N, C-alpha and C. Protein backbone atom coordinates (compact mmCIF):
# COMPACT_ATOMS: atom_id res chain seq x y z
N MET A 1 21.52 -14.72 -28.47
CA MET A 1 20.38 -14.54 -27.59
C MET A 1 19.26 -15.45 -28.09
N GLY A 2 18.66 -16.22 -27.18
CA GLY A 2 17.61 -17.17 -27.56
C GLY A 2 16.22 -16.58 -27.43
N PHE A 3 15.28 -17.33 -27.94
CA PHE A 3 13.88 -16.92 -27.84
C PHE A 3 13.33 -17.28 -26.47
N ARG A 4 12.41 -16.48 -25.99
CA ARG A 4 11.74 -16.74 -24.73
C ARG A 4 10.24 -16.85 -25.00
N PHE A 5 9.58 -17.61 -24.14
CA PHE A 5 8.14 -17.80 -24.29
C PHE A 5 7.48 -17.68 -22.92
N ARG A 6 6.39 -16.92 -22.84
CA ARG A 6 5.61 -16.83 -21.61
C ARG A 6 4.17 -16.54 -21.97
N ARG A 7 3.28 -17.25 -21.33
CA ARG A 7 1.85 -17.03 -21.54
C ARG A 7 1.20 -16.99 -20.16
N THR A 8 0.38 -15.98 -19.90
CA THR A 8 -0.32 -15.83 -18.63
C THR A 8 -1.81 -15.94 -18.88
N ILE A 9 -2.47 -16.81 -18.10
CA ILE A 9 -3.91 -17.02 -18.21
C ILE A 9 -4.54 -16.67 -16.87
N ARG A 10 -5.49 -15.76 -16.89
CA ARG A 10 -6.20 -15.38 -15.66
C ARG A 10 -7.29 -16.41 -15.39
N ILE A 11 -7.20 -17.09 -14.26
CA ILE A 11 -8.17 -18.13 -13.91
C ILE A 11 -9.34 -17.52 -13.14
N LEU A 12 -9.04 -16.78 -12.11
CA LEU A 12 -10.01 -16.06 -11.28
C LEU A 12 -9.41 -14.69 -10.96
N PRO A 13 -10.19 -13.76 -10.43
CA PRO A 13 -9.58 -12.50 -10.01
C PRO A 13 -8.50 -12.76 -8.96
N GLY A 14 -7.29 -12.32 -9.23
CA GLY A 14 -6.19 -12.51 -8.30
C GLY A 14 -5.45 -13.83 -8.45
N VAL A 15 -5.84 -14.69 -9.40
CA VAL A 15 -5.18 -15.98 -9.60
C VAL A 15 -4.79 -16.10 -11.07
N ARG A 16 -3.49 -16.34 -11.33
CA ARG A 16 -3.01 -16.45 -12.70
C ARG A 16 -2.19 -17.71 -12.88
N LEU A 17 -2.33 -18.34 -14.02
CA LEU A 17 -1.52 -19.49 -14.41
C LEU A 17 -0.51 -18.98 -15.43
N ASN A 18 0.78 -19.17 -15.14
CA ASN A 18 1.86 -18.70 -16.00
C ASN A 18 2.53 -19.90 -16.66
N ILE A 19 2.61 -19.89 -17.97
CA ILE A 19 3.23 -20.97 -18.72
C ILE A 19 4.50 -20.44 -19.36
N ASN A 20 5.63 -21.07 -19.02
CA ASN A 20 6.93 -20.70 -19.57
C ASN A 20 7.48 -21.87 -20.36
N LYS A 21 8.59 -21.64 -21.02
CA LYS A 21 9.22 -22.69 -21.81
C LYS A 21 9.60 -23.89 -20.95
N GLY A 22 10.07 -23.67 -19.72
CA GLY A 22 10.55 -24.76 -18.89
C GLY A 22 9.73 -25.09 -17.67
N SER A 23 8.67 -24.33 -17.36
CA SER A 23 7.91 -24.60 -16.14
C SER A 23 6.52 -23.98 -16.18
N LEU A 24 5.73 -24.36 -15.20
CA LEU A 24 4.42 -23.76 -14.96
C LEU A 24 4.47 -23.11 -13.59
N SER A 25 3.68 -22.07 -13.39
CA SER A 25 3.59 -21.47 -12.08
C SER A 25 2.20 -20.89 -11.87
N VAL A 26 1.85 -20.73 -10.60
CA VAL A 26 0.57 -20.14 -10.22
C VAL A 26 0.88 -18.93 -9.35
N SER A 27 0.31 -17.78 -9.69
CA SER A 27 0.48 -16.56 -8.91
C SER A 27 -0.85 -16.21 -8.27
N VAL A 28 -0.80 -15.87 -6.97
CA VAL A 28 -2.01 -15.55 -6.22
C VAL A 28 -1.79 -14.24 -5.48
N GLY A 29 -2.77 -13.35 -5.52
CA GLY A 29 -2.69 -12.12 -4.75
C GLY A 29 -3.25 -10.93 -5.49
N PRO A 30 -3.61 -9.89 -4.74
CA PRO A 30 -4.12 -8.66 -5.35
C PRO A 30 -2.98 -7.82 -5.91
N ARG A 31 -3.32 -6.72 -6.54
CA ARG A 31 -2.30 -5.80 -7.05
C ARG A 31 -1.41 -5.34 -5.91
N GLY A 32 -0.12 -5.40 -6.14
CA GLY A 32 0.83 -4.94 -5.13
C GLY A 32 1.36 -6.05 -4.24
N LEU A 33 0.66 -7.18 -4.15
CA LEU A 33 1.10 -8.33 -3.36
C LEU A 33 0.94 -9.57 -4.20
N LYS A 34 1.95 -10.43 -4.21
CA LYS A 34 1.84 -11.63 -5.03
C LYS A 34 2.68 -12.74 -4.42
N HIS A 35 2.14 -13.96 -4.43
CA HIS A 35 2.87 -15.16 -4.02
C HIS A 35 2.83 -16.11 -5.21
N THR A 36 4.00 -16.56 -5.66
CA THR A 36 4.10 -17.42 -6.83
C THR A 36 4.75 -18.74 -6.45
N ILE A 37 4.13 -19.84 -6.91
CA ILE A 37 4.66 -21.18 -6.70
C ILE A 37 4.88 -21.79 -8.08
N SER A 38 6.10 -22.31 -8.30
CA SER A 38 6.48 -22.83 -9.60
C SER A 38 6.72 -24.33 -9.55
N THR A 39 6.63 -25.00 -10.71
CA THR A 39 6.87 -26.44 -10.77
C THR A 39 8.34 -26.78 -10.58
N ASN A 40 9.23 -25.82 -10.70
CA ASN A 40 10.65 -26.09 -10.47
C ASN A 40 11.04 -25.81 -9.02
N GLU A 41 10.06 -25.89 -8.10
CA GLU A 41 10.24 -25.77 -6.65
C GLU A 41 10.72 -24.39 -6.22
N THR A 42 10.39 -23.36 -6.95
CA THR A 42 10.73 -22.00 -6.56
C THR A 42 9.48 -21.30 -6.05
N ARG A 43 9.61 -20.61 -4.93
CA ARG A 43 8.52 -19.81 -4.38
C ARG A 43 8.99 -18.36 -4.30
N THR A 44 8.13 -17.45 -4.73
CA THR A 44 8.49 -16.04 -4.75
C THR A 44 7.40 -15.20 -4.12
N ASN A 45 7.80 -14.30 -3.23
CA ASN A 45 6.89 -13.32 -2.65
C ASN A 45 7.29 -11.95 -3.18
N THR A 46 6.31 -11.18 -3.66
CA THR A 46 6.60 -9.87 -4.23
C THR A 46 5.66 -8.83 -3.62
N ILE A 47 6.24 -7.71 -3.21
CA ILE A 47 5.49 -6.57 -2.69
C ILE A 47 5.87 -5.37 -3.52
N GLY A 48 4.88 -4.61 -3.99
CA GLY A 48 5.19 -3.47 -4.83
C GLY A 48 4.15 -2.36 -4.73
N ILE A 49 4.45 -1.25 -5.35
CA ILE A 49 3.53 -0.13 -5.45
C ILE A 49 3.00 -0.13 -6.87
N PRO A 50 1.70 -0.47 -7.05
CA PRO A 50 1.14 -0.56 -8.40
C PRO A 50 1.31 0.72 -9.21
N GLY A 51 1.73 0.57 -10.46
CA GLY A 51 1.88 1.70 -11.37
C GLY A 51 3.20 2.43 -11.26
N SER A 52 4.00 2.14 -10.23
CA SER A 52 5.25 2.88 -10.03
C SER A 52 6.46 2.16 -10.61
N GLY A 53 6.37 0.84 -10.75
CA GLY A 53 7.51 0.06 -11.19
C GLY A 53 8.44 -0.32 -10.05
N LEU A 54 8.13 0.11 -8.82
CA LEU A 54 8.94 -0.23 -7.65
C LEU A 54 8.39 -1.47 -6.98
N PHE A 55 9.27 -2.44 -6.72
CA PHE A 55 8.83 -3.64 -6.03
C PHE A 55 10.01 -4.30 -5.33
N TYR A 56 9.69 -5.15 -4.35
CA TYR A 56 10.67 -5.96 -3.64
C TYR A 56 10.26 -7.40 -3.82
N SER A 57 11.20 -8.25 -4.20
CA SER A 57 10.90 -9.65 -4.46
C SER A 57 11.87 -10.52 -3.67
N GLU A 58 11.33 -11.57 -3.05
CA GLU A 58 12.14 -12.50 -2.28
C GLU A 58 11.87 -13.90 -2.79
N ARG A 59 12.92 -14.61 -3.18
CA ARG A 59 12.77 -15.94 -3.78
C ARG A 59 13.41 -16.99 -2.89
N SER A 60 12.73 -18.14 -2.76
CA SER A 60 13.31 -19.27 -2.06
C SER A 60 13.24 -20.48 -2.95
N LYS A 61 14.27 -21.30 -2.92
CA LYS A 61 14.34 -22.48 -3.79
C LYS A 61 14.33 -23.72 -2.91
N GLY A 62 13.65 -24.75 -3.37
CA GLY A 62 13.61 -26.02 -2.64
C GLY A 62 12.33 -26.15 -1.84
N SER A 63 12.10 -27.35 -1.37
CA SER A 63 10.88 -27.63 -0.62
C SER A 63 11.14 -27.51 0.87
N SER A 64 10.09 -27.49 1.65
CA SER A 64 10.21 -27.38 3.10
C SER A 64 10.24 -28.77 3.74
N LYS A 65 10.35 -29.82 2.92
CA LYS A 65 10.40 -31.17 3.44
C LYS A 65 11.76 -31.43 4.10
N PRO A 66 11.79 -32.23 5.18
CA PRO A 66 13.07 -32.54 5.79
C PRO A 66 13.89 -33.45 4.89
N PRO A 67 15.22 -33.44 5.01
CA PRO A 67 16.05 -34.29 4.16
C PRO A 67 15.78 -35.77 4.46
N PRO A 68 15.99 -36.63 3.47
CA PRO A 68 15.72 -38.06 3.69
C PRO A 68 16.69 -38.65 4.71
N LYS A 69 16.21 -39.63 5.48
CA LYS A 69 17.05 -40.29 6.47
C LYS A 69 17.97 -41.29 5.80
N LYS A 70 19.17 -41.42 6.33
CA LYS A 70 20.14 -42.36 5.75
C LYS A 70 20.15 -43.66 6.52
């Protein structure tokens, strides 16, 4: 099992900068709702009940750009 690293810095209320071993990400939203955009082209939407540990998360990978023309 390897070591993991994560550091979270609060920039403004509801905005956090997350630093991981392999990427950076920005999370935006109030408690219970969060949208995260990562440098590895992953976007995550999370909805939860604060304090309960229950949440639903939906992840999408890749950009919304159309494929290059041949």
